[in-house]
Amino acid sequence: MQLIRIRTDDELMWYKEIWDAILEEENNDNPFIEFAWFYNWWQIVGRKERVELYAIEHEGTIRAFFPFTVSIRWGVRVYAFAGENIANYTGVVAKKEWLQQVTTFVFDELIKKHRHILFSLHGLLESKVSTKILEQYFVERQLRTSLFRVVTPYLAFSEIDFQRHFNQRRKMHGVDRRERKLRNLGSLERREASQDELWQMFRLFDRRWAKKLDTSGFTKGKKRDFFERLTMLKGEALQVEVDALVFENQWIAFTYGLCCRGRYVTYALAHEPTFNLFGAGRIVTQEAIQRTFTANYRLYDMSIGYESYKFDWRSDIDFTRQMLASSGTKRTNLLAGFLSLKQRLKEFMKGNQRVVDWKRNTLGHLRYLVKYGKVKDWLEYGQQFVEKFIRLKQVELYELSPSDDVSPQQPVGNLFEEMSIQEAMQLDQEEVMALLYKGYTIYKDSFAETNKLAFALHATNWRVDSMQIVEALPKQTYFLAYDVFKQIDIITAFLRKIKPAQTLWVSVSFWQWRKRKRLVQLGYKPISRMKHYKLARFERHRVEKYTESGGDVHSVH
């Protein structure tokens, strides 16, 4: 056998047909070892990497390819499969009958050539033969080896009754109910993204991760160019499919998937933060699953990670390994021990969802505040932090019945009008979309130069979100929400005009004494008082009922 070093991506093009033919014959479904992936990676992302790509020739025929990147640490040459920080899975490009021979030959040659050498091989699926052969090689050569693994859920369509499985899973977390709410508000559709729409995908990803800690670099620099280039591939076994969830002609979620011979690998997904309550991320995932099933894919691979939605849909799990193996010198053993400790800490953190959430959400939010936060943002964050341990809340519920109304008659005309869903989306405020999700009708000032939320009205429930209280309203009653103190008299007069026979309920917090005073002047009467105390783990709720309509039972959601 002969080891041929391929030094440039132009030289690599001479081997494209051989590379593709090997993977085609082996019916490879790992998109990350396809020629199109490696070639574009080397051209765009790997320019600054030290790449060592070897072709193995035997009797005039190329039998395999081994794509490595090499780094020098503590005087030790560390070999990894190419794309360590970008490819989820890796492996060897070789025919099955030659795999063991070429693996033994290549690794023996590298160990002979370099005394201080360490192999850090990531992305090895346990279900693949190459992983078992690599482990067998390290055992036979008695190399000090450490193994790490991360769960890799997947959905195998042939192993399930798909329609039954799909109908059951889409009801989890109320996704079907959330989807219905969204469809009732406007037009919702899934569509495959065109090339000129990809900017929306990257924009949406950045918005989703603005207050979170993202380590993928999906939208950064050369990586963005690389992922965009992959969407242009034509006639290759590797194809990219971008599923967009579009609401009222605006992207609210997407999935970026890599497809290879019947396997769909979810690589990136994100959703619009303002649509978080609607479960846009889960909806686009179920849409992508349904489409891949219809398109006769064999496997829907949710990729590495412990995210809950992956386990909601999976039919089985695989594991992805990282192997650390050193040549046995003191220097390599010391480096291997350091990397092994680092990897075990990383493995522990990724396997503990509480740690993952803290790192991703808490640290990400703090980073956002440091970069862009204003005084108001810091005060809100401080308040939320304190309320985790100490919380003292008091909310009063006021009622204005038609017979008690003493507010002066005002010529309000058509001062307010309902805000459309399109106008609400333009405000780009999560609290506004949350009101729509909860079933409120939103009103705006008809004569304002720019759209702005004036107040919100609910016809079936009254709720105090700060205390997680939700109750059904009595008949002929509306609940008036949002911070309406400044215009409460005008709003009351307007509602008296459009709904003269209806009773109004309004909630007031303990600190809004001016609002309480004004409500009394307008004829509102207190009907209930709710208190909530929290000190560390001690919590207590108390409801004081003033009238029969006040209600002394509440639901926590």
Protein backbone atom coordinates (compact mmCIF):
# COMPACT_ATOMS: atom_id res chain seq x y z
CA MET A 1 0.00 0.00 0.00
CA GLN A 2 1.06 3.57 -0.63
CA LEU A 3 0.14 6.75 1.23
CA ILE A 4 -0.49 9.67 -1.15
CA ARG A 5 -0.64 13.18 0.36
CA ILE A 6 -3.13 15.49 -1.39
CA ARG A 7 -1.99 19.05 -0.73
CA THR A 8 -4.45 21.40 -2.46
CA ASP A 9 -8.19 21.46 -3.07
CA ASP A 10 -7.47 21.81 -6.81
CA GLU A 11 -5.48 18.59 -6.68
CA LEU A 12 -8.36 17.00 -4.77
CA MET A 13 -10.69 17.52 -7.74
CA TRP A 14 -8.78 14.80 -9.61
CA TYR A 15 -10.07 12.30 -7.05
CA LYS A 16 -13.71 13.42 -6.95
CA GLU A 17 -15.09 10.60 -9.11
CA ILE A 18 -13.25 7.96 -7.07
CA TRP A 19 -14.37 9.46 -3.76
CA ASP A 20 -17.99 9.66 -4.89
CA ALA A 21 -17.91 6.14 -6.37
CA ILE A 22 -16.68 4.60 -3.10
CA LEU A 23 -19.44 6.25 -1.07
CA GLU A 24 -22.07 5.48 -3.70
CA GLU A 25 -21.16 1.78 -3.67
CA GLU A 26 -21.24 1.74 0.15
CA ASN A 27 -24.61 3.55 0.13
CA ASN A 28 -23.16 6.11 2.55
CA ASP A 29 -25.71 8.21 4.43
CA ASN A 30 -23.27 10.35 6.43
CA PRO A 31 -23.37 13.78 4.72
CA PHE A 32 -20.27 15.00 6.55
CA ILE A 33 -17.88 12.67 4.70
CA GLU A 34 -19.27 13.35 1.23
CA PHE A 35 -16.84 14.90 -1.23
CA ALA A 36 -19.06 17.99 -1.68
CA TRP A 37 -18.97 18.68 2.06
CA PHE A 38 -15.19 18.26 2.45
CA TYR A 39 -14.27 20.12 -0.73
CA ASN A 40 -16.36 23.19 0.12
CA TRP A 41 -15.21 23.07 3.74
CA TRP A 42 -11.57 23.05 2.61
CA GLN A 43 -12.16 25.92 0.17
CA ILE A 44 -14.04 28.18 2.58
CA VAL A 45 -13.58 27.27 6.26
CA GLY A 46 -10.44 25.12 6.27
CA ARG A 47 -8.11 27.61 4.60
CA LYS A 48 -6.40 28.40 7.90
CA GLU A 49 -6.41 24.78 9.06
CA ARG A 50 -3.43 22.46 8.66
CA VAL A 51 -5.08 19.79 6.53
CA GLU A 52 -3.48 16.41 5.85
CA LEU A 53 -5.57 14.51 3.35
CA TYR A 54 -4.35 11.04 2.41
CA ALA A 55 -5.38 8.77 -0.44
CA ILE A 56 -4.44 5.10 -0.01
CA GLU A 57 -3.38 3.35 -3.18
CA HIS A 58 -3.04 -0.42 -3.61
CA GLU A 59 -2.06 -2.10 -6.87
CA GLY A 60 -2.76 1.06 -8.84
CA THR A 61 -6.23 1.60 -7.36
CA ILE A 62 -7.32 4.18 -4.77
CA ARG A 63 -8.89 2.26 -1.90
CA ALA A 64 -9.68 4.97 0.68
CA PHE A 65 -9.37 8.60 1.79
CA PHE A 66 -8.48 9.87 5.25
CA PRO A 67 -9.12 13.60 5.81
CA PHE A 68 -7.26 14.92 8.88
CA THR A 69 -6.53 18.27 10.44
CA VAL A 70 -3.36 18.58 12.51
CA SER A 71 -2.53 20.89 15.39
CA ILE A 72 0.57 21.11 17.58
CA ARG A 73 -0.03 21.20 21.33
CA TRP A 74 2.74 20.89 23.93
CA GLY A 75 5.00 19.59 21.16
CA VAL A 76 2.51 16.81 20.33
CA ARG A 77 0.91 16.38 16.90
CA VAL A 78 -2.83 16.07 17.44
CA TYR A 79 -4.70 14.41 14.57
CA ALA A 80 -8.44 14.93 14.22
CA PHE A 81 -10.88 14.25 11.42
CA ALA A 82 -11.46 17.33 9.30
CA GLY A 83 -14.20 19.74 10.40
CA GLU A 84 -13.95 19.06 14.12
CA ASN A 85 -15.93 22.17 15.10
CA ILE A 86 -18.44 22.04 12.27
CA ALA A 87 -19.14 18.43 11.26
CA ASN A 88 -21.43 16.51 13.60
CA TYR A 89 -20.28 13.12 12.34
CA THR A 90 -17.03 11.97 10.75
CA GLY A 91 -15.52 8.76 9.43
CA VAL A 92 -13.33 7.11 6.83
CA VAL A 93 -14.04 7.06 3.10
CA ALA A 94 -13.41 3.41 2.20
CA LYS A 95 -15.13 0.27 0.98
CA LYS A 96 -16.16 -2.03 3.79
CA GLU A 97 -13.92 -4.92 2.69
CA TRP A 98 -10.87 -2.61 2.73
CA LEU A 99 -11.73 -0.63 5.83
CA GLN A 100 -9.74 -2.61 8.39
CA GLN A 101 -6.64 -2.93 6.21
CA VAL A 102 -6.42 0.73 5.23
CA THR A 103 -7.15 1.90 8.79
CA THR A 104 -4.34 -0.24 10.19
CA PHE A 105 -1.96 0.89 7.44
CA VAL A 106 -2.64 4.64 7.80
CA PHE A 107 -2.46 4.80 11.58
CA ASP A 108 0.65 2.58 11.68
CA GLU A 109 2.37 4.90 9.19
CA LEU A 110 1.49 8.01 11.19
CA ILE A 111 2.74 6.48 14.45
CA LYS A 112 6.01 5.42 12.76
CA LYS A 113 6.50 8.90 11.34
CA HIS A 114 5.79 10.86 14.55
CA ARG A 115 6.95 9.83 18.00
CA HIS A 116 4.69 12.24 19.94
CA ILE A 117 1.27 11.79 18.41
CA LEU A 118 -2.27 11.88 19.71
CA PHE A 119 -5.52 11.04 17.93
CA SER A 120 -8.61 13.05 18.88
CA LEU A 121 -11.33 11.58 16.71
CA HIS A 122 -14.79 13.11 17.15
CA GLY A 123 -18.17 12.43 15.56
CA LEU A 124 -17.93 8.63 15.41
CA LEU A 125 -21.40 7.08 15.30
CA GLU A 126 -21.45 3.82 17.24
CA SER A 127 -23.74 2.26 14.64
CA LYS A 128 -21.06 2.64 11.94
CA VAL A 129 -18.55 -0.12 11.21
CA SER A 130 -15.65 2.36 10.98
CA THR A 131 -16.09 3.26 14.66
CA LYS A 132 -15.75 -0.34 15.76
CA ILE A 133 -12.68 -0.86 13.57
CA LEU A 134 -10.96 2.25 14.96
CA GLU A 135 -11.61 1.11 18.52
CA GLN A 136 -10.35 -2.38 17.65
CA TYR A 137 -7.15 -0.90 16.21
CA PHE A 138 -6.38 1.11 19.35
CA VAL A 139 -7.00 -1.96 21.52
CA GLU A 140 -4.78 -4.19 19.39
CA ARG A 141 -1.92 -1.66 19.41
CA GLN A 142 -2.39 -1.21 23.18
CA LEU A 143 -2.68 2.55 22.87
CA ARG A 144 -4.00 4.42 25.86
CA THR A 145 -7.57 5.25 24.87
CA SER A 146 -10.39 7.29 26.38
CA LEU A 147 -13.95 7.13 25.06
CA PHE A 148 -16.69 9.73 25.37
CA ARG A 149 -20.19 9.59 24.00
CA VAL A 150 -23.20 11.81 23.50
CA VAL A 151 -26.73 10.69 22.71
CA THR A 152 -28.00 10.95 19.14
CA PRO A 153 -31.79 10.47 18.85
CA TYR A 154 -33.38 9.56 15.53
CA LEU A 155 -36.70 8.61 14.00
CA ALA A 156 -36.62 5.52 11.77
CA PHE A 157 -39.78 5.59 9.66
CA SER A 158 -39.69 1.84 8.93
CA GLU A 159 -39.85 0.99 12.64
CA ILE A 160 -43.09 2.79 13.46
CA ASP A 161 -46.66 3.30 12.38
CA PHE A 162 -45.94 6.83 11.23
CA GLN A 163 -49.44 8.32 11.23
CA ARG A 164 -50.17 7.02 14.72
CA HIS A 165 -46.76 8.12 15.99
CA PHE A 166 -47.12 11.55 14.37
CA ASN A 167 -50.62 12.19 15.72
CA GLN A 168 -49.56 11.21 19.25
CA ARG A 169 -46.38 13.29 19.30
CA ARG A 170 -47.87 16.45 17.81
CA LYS A 171 -50.23 16.64 20.81
CA MET A 172 -47.34 16.70 23.28
CA HIS A 173 -46.82 20.09 24.95
CA GLY A 174 -50.06 21.24 23.33
CA VAL A 175 -48.38 21.80 19.96
CA ASP A 176 -51.57 20.97 18.05
CA ARG A 177 -53.50 23.48 20.18
CA ARG A 178 -50.84 26.15 19.68
CA GLU A 179 -50.85 25.56 15.96
CA ARG A 180 -54.63 25.99 15.83
CA LYS A 181 -54.32 29.30 17.68
CA LEU A 182 -51.77 30.49 15.15
CA ARG A 183 -53.88 29.43 12.19
CA ASN A 184 -56.90 31.23 13.67
CA LEU A 185 -54.91 34.45 13.75
CA GLY A 186 -53.65 34.32 10.15
CA SER A 187 -52.26 32.25 7.30
CA LEU A 188 -49.63 29.66 8.24
CA GLU A 189 -47.69 27.53 5.78
CA ARG A 190 -44.50 25.53 5.41
CA ARG A 191 -42.41 26.09 2.32
CA GLU A 192 -38.96 25.25 1.03
CA ALA A 193 -36.73 28.30 1.02
CA SER A 194 -35.35 29.71 -2.21
CA GLN A 195 -31.80 30.99 -2.56
CA ASP A 196 -32.78 34.65 -2.31
CA GLU A 197 -34.62 34.01 0.99
CA LEU A 198 -31.65 32.63 2.92
CA TRP A 199 -30.89 36.00 4.49
CA GLN A 200 -34.10 35.55 6.47
CA MET A 201 -32.78 32.25 7.83
CA PHE A 202 -29.56 33.82 9.13
CA ARG A 203 -31.44 36.84 10.49
CA LEU A 204 -33.89 34.61 12.32
CA PHE A 205 -31.06 32.53 13.80
CA ASP A 206 -29.33 35.65 15.12
CA ARG A 207 -32.58 36.95 16.63
CA ARG A 208 -33.26 33.63 18.33
CA TRP A 209 -29.78 33.47 19.88
CA ALA A 210 -29.34 37.19 20.65
CA LYS A 211 -29.92 36.61 24.38
CA LYS A 212 -28.54 33.08 24.45
CA LEU A 213 -25.07 31.59 24.24
CA ASP A 214 -24.55 30.09 20.78
CA THR A 215 -21.41 28.03 20.15
CA SER A 216 -22.25 26.82 16.64
CA GLY A 217 -21.15 29.93 14.74
CA PHE A 218 -23.82 29.13 12.14
CA THR A 219 -24.15 32.75 11.00
CA LYS A 220 -20.58 33.93 11.61
CA GLY A 221 -18.02 34.78 8.93
CA LYS A 222 -16.74 31.93 6.80
CA LYS A 223 -19.14 29.44 8.34
CA ARG A 224 -22.09 31.41 7.04
CA ASP A 225 -20.54 31.45 3.56
CA PHE A 226 -19.99 27.71 3.78
CA PHE A 227 -23.55 26.84 4.79
CA GLU A 228 -24.92 29.14 2.12
CA ARG A 229 -22.67 27.51 -0.49
CA LEU A 230 -23.99 24.07 0.42
CA THR A 231 -27.53 25.16 -0.47
CA MET A 232 -26.33 25.67 -4.06
CA LEU A 233 -25.24 22.06 -4.56
CA LYS A 234 -26.80 20.35 -7.56
CA GLY A 235 -26.53 16.74 -8.64
CA GLU A 236 -24.69 15.61 -5.48
CA ALA A 237 -25.64 12.90 -2.99
CA LEU A 238 -25.42 15.63 -0.35
CA GLN A 239 -28.27 18.13 -0.54
CA VAL A 240 -29.42 20.87 1.79
CA GLU A 241 -33.11 21.42 2.50
CA VAL A 242 -34.34 24.51 4.34
CA ASP A 243 -37.92 24.27 5.63
CA ALA A 244 -39.41 27.64 6.53
CA LEU A 245 -42.52 28.16 8.65
CA VAL A 246 -44.17 31.29 7.25
CA PHE A 247 -46.89 33.23 9.05
CA GLU A 248 -48.56 36.09 7.20
CA ASN A 249 -45.67 36.08 4.73
CA GLN A 250 -43.05 36.40 7.48
CA TRP A 251 -40.57 33.71 8.51
CA ILE A 252 -41.15 32.63 12.10
CA ALA A 253 -39.12 29.39 12.16
CA PHE A 254 -36.84 27.24 10.01
CA THR A 255 -34.88 24.01 9.94
CA TYR A 256 -31.61 23.58 8.02
CA GLY A 257 -31.20 19.92 7.15
CA LEU A 258 -28.49 17.90 5.41
CA CYS A 259 -29.76 15.03 3.28
CA CYS A 260 -27.78 12.06 2.06
CA ARG A 261 -29.20 8.86 0.55
CA GLY A 262 -32.35 8.60 2.63
CA ARG A 263 -30.98 10.19 5.81
CA TYR A 264 -32.06 13.68 6.90
CA VAL A 265 -29.82 15.29 9.53
CA THR A 266 -31.14 18.34 11.37
CA TYR A 267 -28.20 20.71 11.54
CA ALA A 268 -29.68 24.06 12.63
CA LEU A 269 -33.08 25.38 13.60
CA ALA A 270 -34.45 28.56 15.13
CA HIS A 271 -37.69 30.43 15.64
CA GLU A 272 -38.83 34.01 16.06
CA PRO A 273 -38.63 34.90 19.81
CA THR A 274 -41.91 36.84 19.68
CA PHE A 275 -43.67 33.60 18.64
CA ASN A 276 -42.20 31.58 21.49
CA LEU A 277 -45.57 30.91 23.18
CA PHE A 278 -46.98 29.54 19.93
CA GLY A 279 -44.32 26.81 19.87
CA ALA A 280 -43.08 27.84 16.41
CA GLY A 281 -39.89 25.75 16.82
CA ARG A 282 -41.84 22.58 17.59
CA ILE A 283 -44.31 23.26 14.78
CA VAL A 284 -41.57 23.61 12.14
CA THR A 285 -39.94 20.41 13.43
CA GLN A 286 -43.15 18.41 13.00
CA GLU A 287 -43.63 19.93 9.54
CA ALA A 288 -40.12 18.88 8.53
CA ILE A 289 -40.69 15.35 9.87
CA GLN A 290 -43.93 15.00 7.95
CA ARG A 291 -42.31 16.26 4.74
CA THR A 292 -39.35 13.88 4.98
CA PHE A 293 -41.71 10.96 5.52
CA THR A 294 -43.77 11.96 2.49
CA ALA A 295 -40.56 12.29 0.45
CA ASN A 296 -39.69 8.64 1.32
CA TYR A 297 -36.70 9.35 3.53
CA ARG A 298 -35.55 6.41 5.60
CA LEU A 299 -34.27 8.23 8.70
CA TYR A 300 -34.92 11.57 10.38
CA ASP A 301 -31.74 12.21 12.37
CA MET A 302 -32.11 14.82 15.13
CA SER A 303 -28.33 15.01 15.58
CA ILE A 304 -26.35 15.04 18.80
CA GLY A 305 -27.75 16.53 22.00
CA TYR A 306 -30.13 16.10 24.90
CA GLU A 307 -32.80 18.64 23.90
CA SER A 308 -36.23 17.51 25.02
CA TYR A 309 -37.94 17.85 21.64
CA LYS A 310 -35.57 15.23 20.20
CA PHE A 311 -36.71 12.65 22.72
CA ASP A 312 -40.34 13.57 22.10
CA TRP A 313 -40.05 12.43 18.48
CA ARG A 314 -37.35 9.76 18.45
CA SER A 315 -38.05 6.10 17.79
CA ASP A 316 -34.58 5.03 18.97
CA ILE A 317 -31.20 6.45 19.93
CA ASP A 318 -27.64 6.11 18.69
CA PHE A 319 -24.49 7.43 20.35
CA THR A 320 -21.73 9.58 18.90
CA ARG A 321 -18.26 8.97 20.25
CA GLN A 322 -15.05 10.86 20.64
CA MET A 323 -11.88 8.78 20.98
CA LEU A 324 -8.63 9.99 22.48
CA ALA A 325 -5.63 7.73 21.86
CA SER A 326 -1.98 8.58 22.47
CA SER A 327 1.26 6.99 21.30
CA GLY A 328 2.30 6.36 24.90
CA THR A 329 5.11 8.85 25.49
CA LYS A 330 5.08 10.87 28.71
CA ARG A 331 4.31 14.05 26.80
CA THR A 332 1.39 12.56 24.89
CA ASN A 333 0.02 10.85 28.00
CA LEU A 334 0.09 14.17 29.87
CA LEU A 335 -1.76 15.95 27.06
CA ALA A 336 -4.21 13.06 26.72
CA GLY A 337 -4.95 13.25 30.45
CA PHE A 338 -5.60 16.99 30.22
CA LEU A 339 -7.87 16.64 27.17
CA SER A 340 -9.64 13.68 28.77
CA LEU A 341 -10.43 15.70 31.91
CA LYS A 342 -11.65 18.58 29.79
CA GLN A 343 -13.85 16.29 27.74
CA ARG A 344 -15.34 14.61 30.82
CA LEU A 345 -16.32 18.00 32.22
CA LYS A 346 -17.85 18.87 28.85
CA GLU A 347 -19.66 15.52 28.74
CA PHE A 348 -21.06 16.10 32.24
CA MET A 349 -22.24 19.59 31.38
CA LYS A 350 -23.95 18.50 28.16
CA GLY A 351 -25.62 15.58 29.92
CA ASN A 352 -27.05 17.82 32.67
CA GLN A 353 -29.92 19.84 31.21
CA ARG A 354 -29.94 22.27 34.13
CA VAL A 355 -26.29 23.12 33.50
CA VAL A 356 -26.94 23.44 29.76
CA ASP A 357 -29.89 25.77 30.36
CA TRP A 358 -27.90 27.88 32.81
CA LYS A 359 -24.98 28.24 30.43
CA ARG A 360 -27.12 28.85 27.36
CA ASN A 361 -29.78 31.12 28.86
CA THR A 362 -28.36 32.79 31.98
CA LEU A 363 -24.84 33.42 30.68
CA GLY A 364 -26.23 34.33 27.28
CA HIS A 365 -28.59 36.88 28.80
CA LEU A 366 -25.80 38.39 30.90
CA ARG A 367 -23.59 38.68 27.83
CA TYR A 368 -26.42 40.44 26.00
CA LEU A 369 -26.91 42.88 28.90
CA VAL A 370 -23.20 43.67 29.03
CA LYS A 371 -23.13 44.41 25.29
CA TYR A 372 -26.48 46.09 24.71
CA GLY A 373 -28.33 46.43 28.01
CA LYS A 374 -29.71 49.75 29.22
CA VAL A 375 -30.41 50.77 32.82
CA LYS A 376 -34.04 49.64 32.46
CA ASP A 377 -32.93 46.19 31.25
CA TRP A 378 -30.54 45.77 34.20
CA LEU A 379 -33.24 46.80 36.68
CA GLU A 380 -35.69 44.27 35.20
CA TYR A 381 -33.08 41.54 35.33
CA GLY A 382 -32.25 42.42 38.95
CA GLN A 383 -35.92 42.33 39.88
CA GLN A 384 -36.37 38.90 38.27
CA PHE A 385 -33.32 37.60 40.12
CA VAL A 386 -34.52 38.85 43.51
CA GLU A 387 -38.02 37.43 42.94
CA LYS A 388 -36.55 33.93 42.66
CA PHE A 389 -36.00 34.12 46.42
CA ILE A 390 -38.28 36.87 47.77
CA ARG A 391 -41.64 37.83 46.30
CA LEU A 392 -44.37 40.01 47.78
CA LYS A 393 -47.25 40.68 45.41
CA GLN A 394 -50.72 42.06 45.91
CA VAL A 395 -53.28 42.57 43.17
CA GLU A 396 -56.81 43.91 43.49
CA LEU A 397 -59.63 43.25 41.06
CA TYR A 398 -62.04 46.10 40.30
CA GLU A 399 -65.47 45.91 38.67
CA LEU A 400 -67.53 48.49 36.80
CA SER A 401 -71.10 47.42 36.10
CA PRO A 402 -73.37 49.50 33.81
CA SER A 403 -75.47 50.60 36.79
CA ASP A 404 -72.42 51.86 38.74
CA ASP A 405 -70.90 53.89 35.93
CA VAL A 406 -70.44 57.51 36.99
CA SER A 407 -67.79 58.41 34.41
CA PRO A 408 -68.54 61.61 32.49
CA GLN A 409 -69.82 61.22 28.97
CA GLN A 410 -67.05 62.02 26.49
CA PRO A 411 -67.19 62.35 22.69
CA VAL A 412 -64.69 59.54 22.09
CA GLY A 413 -65.92 58.71 18.58
CA ASN A 414 -63.76 56.08 16.89
CA LEU A 415 -60.74 56.88 19.02
CA PHE A 416 -59.61 53.23 19.19
CA GLU A 417 -59.74 50.35 16.71
CA GLU A 418 -58.68 46.73 16.65
CA MET A 419 -55.06 46.08 15.73
CA SER A 420 -54.49 43.52 12.97
CA ILE A 421 -52.07 40.64 13.38
CA GLN A 422 -49.82 42.17 10.71
CA GLU A 423 -49.63 45.43 12.67
CA ALA A 424 -48.94 43.54 15.89
CA MET A 425 -46.05 41.68 14.24
CA GLN A 426 -44.50 44.96 13.10
CA LEU A 427 -44.28 46.12 16.71
CA ASP A 428 -41.78 43.30 17.31
CA GLN A 429 -42.77 42.94 20.97
CA GLU A 430 -43.07 39.57 22.63
CA GLU A 431 -45.62 40.86 25.14
CA VAL A 432 -47.97 41.90 22.32
CA MET A 433 -47.82 38.48 20.65
CA ALA A 434 -48.31 36.90 24.09
CA LEU A 435 -51.58 38.83 24.48
CA LEU A 436 -52.79 37.48 21.13
CA TYR A 437 -51.79 33.96 22.16
CA LYS A 438 -53.82 34.30 25.37
CA GLY A 439 -56.92 35.29 23.41
CA TYR A 440 -57.00 39.05 23.91
CA THR A 441 -58.37 41.48 21.34
CA ILE A 442 -55.83 44.29 20.98
CA TYR A 443 -56.80 47.89 20.40
CA LYS A 444 -54.66 50.76 19.10
CA ASP A 445 -55.06 54.54 18.90
CA SER A 446 -56.75 55.23 15.57
CA PHE A 447 -55.11 58.62 15.15
CA ALA A 448 -51.56 57.92 16.32
CA GLU A 449 -48.76 58.41 13.79
CA THR A 450 -47.29 54.99 14.62
CA ASN A 451 -48.98 51.82 15.78
CA LYS A 452 -48.94 51.39 19.52
CA LEU A 453 -50.83 49.12 21.86
CA ALA A 454 -53.49 51.08 23.76
CA PHE A 455 -55.23 48.31 25.68
CA ALA A 456 -56.33 44.68 25.41
CA LEU A 457 -59.72 43.11 26.08
CA HIS A 458 -60.60 39.52 26.94
CA ALA A 459 -64.13 38.15 26.64
CA THR A 460 -63.80 34.78 28.40
CA ASN A 461 -61.01 34.88 31.04
CA TRP A 462 -59.46 37.26 33.52
CA ARG A 463 -55.87 36.67 34.45
CA VAL A 464 -53.05 38.00 36.58
CA ASP A 465 -49.90 36.71 34.90
CA SER A 466 -47.57 37.90 37.65
CA MET A 467 -49.36 35.52 40.05
CA GLN A 468 -50.21 32.84 37.46
CA ILE A 469 -53.94 33.23 38.07
CA VAL A 470 -56.45 32.38 35.35
CA GLU A 471 -60.23 32.26 35.85
CA ALA A 472 -63.31 32.26 33.68
CA LEU A 473 -65.22 35.53 33.51
CA PRO A 474 -68.90 35.78 34.47
CA LYS A 475 -71.35 36.28 31.63
CA GLN A 476 -71.64 39.75 30.10
CA THR A 477 -68.20 40.67 31.46
CA TYR A 478 -64.95 41.79 29.81
CA PHE A 479 -61.46 41.93 31.32
CA LEU A 480 -59.46 45.05 30.54
CA ALA A 481 -55.69 44.46 30.48
CA TYR A 482 -52.40 46.24 29.89
CA ASP A 483 -51.15 49.40 31.64
CA VAL A 484 -54.11 51.63 30.97
CA PHE A 485 -53.82 54.11 33.86
CA LYS A 486 -52.98 57.19 31.79
CA GLN A 487 -56.06 56.81 29.59
CA ILE A 488 -58.37 54.81 31.84
CA ASP A 489 -61.16 57.40 31.76
CA ILE A 490 -61.07 57.68 27.94
CA ILE A 491 -60.85 53.91 27.49
CA THR A 492 -63.73 53.38 29.91
CA ALA A 493 -65.86 55.88 27.99
CA PHE A 494 -64.96 54.20 24.69
CA LEU A 495 -65.89 50.74 25.99
CA ARG A 496 -69.14 52.13 27.41
CA LYS A 497 -69.99 53.31 23.90
CA ILE A 498 -69.20 50.07 22.03
CA LYS A 499 -70.30 47.65 24.81
CA PRO A 500 -72.87 49.55 26.89
CA ALA A 501 -74.42 46.48 28.56
CA GLN A 502 -71.17 44.81 29.58
CA THR A 503 -69.43 44.76 32.94
CA LEU A 504 -65.71 45.66 33.04
CA TRP A 505 -63.04 44.11 35.25
CA VAL A 506 -59.60 45.66 35.78
CA SER A 507 -56.67 44.47 37.90
CA VAL A 508 -54.45 46.86 39.87
CA SER A 509 -51.16 46.07 41.61
CA PHE A 510 -50.28 47.23 45.12
CA TRP A 511 -48.02 50.06 43.89
CA GLN A 512 -50.55 51.60 41.47
CA TRP A 513 -52.32 53.78 44.04
CA ARG A 514 -53.04 56.54 41.52
CA LYS A 515 -54.77 54.04 39.28
CA ARG A 516 -56.89 52.73 42.17
CA LYS A 517 -57.90 56.26 43.10
CA ARG A 518 -58.93 57.06 39.52
CA LEU A 519 -60.90 53.81 39.18
CA VAL A 520 -62.93 54.65 42.28
CA GLN A 521 -63.67 58.10 40.87
CA LEU A 522 -65.03 56.46 37.70
CA GLY A 523 -67.34 54.14 39.67
CA TYR A 524 -65.21 50.96 39.79
CA LYS A 525 -65.59 48.89 42.96
CA PRO A 526 -63.06 46.44 44.47
CA ILE A 527 -64.37 42.88 44.37
CA SER A 528 -61.31 40.77 45.23
CA ARG A 529 -57.78 41.02 46.60
CA MET A 530 -55.07 38.45 45.88
CA LYS A 531 -51.81 38.16 47.78
CA HIS A 532 -48.76 36.05 47.11
CA TYR A 533 -45.81 35.66 49.47
CA LYS A 534 -42.57 33.84 48.79
CA LEU A 535 -39.48 33.58 50.98
CA ALA A 536 -37.00 30.98 49.76
CA ARG A 537 -39.05 27.77 49.60
CA PHE A 538 -41.99 29.09 51.61
CA GLU A 539 -44.92 30.21 49.43
CA ARG A 540 -48.45 31.22 50.29
CA HIS A 541 -51.48 32.41 48.29
CA ARG A 542 -54.39 34.27 49.81
CA VAL A 543 -57.60 35.54 48.21
CA GLU A 544 -59.97 37.98 49.92
CA LYS A 545 -63.46 38.12 48.44
CA TYR A 546 -65.47 41.35 48.69
CA THR A 547 -68.51 40.46 46.57
CA GLU A 548 -70.10 37.36 45.11
CA SER A 549 -68.66 38.17 41.71
CA GLY A 550 -65.11 38.40 43.04
CA GLY A 551 -64.39 34.69 43.13
CA ASP A 552 -62.14 33.01 45.68
CA VAL A 553 -60.80 30.11 43.64
CA HIS A 554 -58.10 30.48 41.04
CA SER A 555 -56.19 28.21 38.69
CA VAL A 556 -52.42 28.16 38.38
CA HIS A 557 -51.05 27.50 34.86
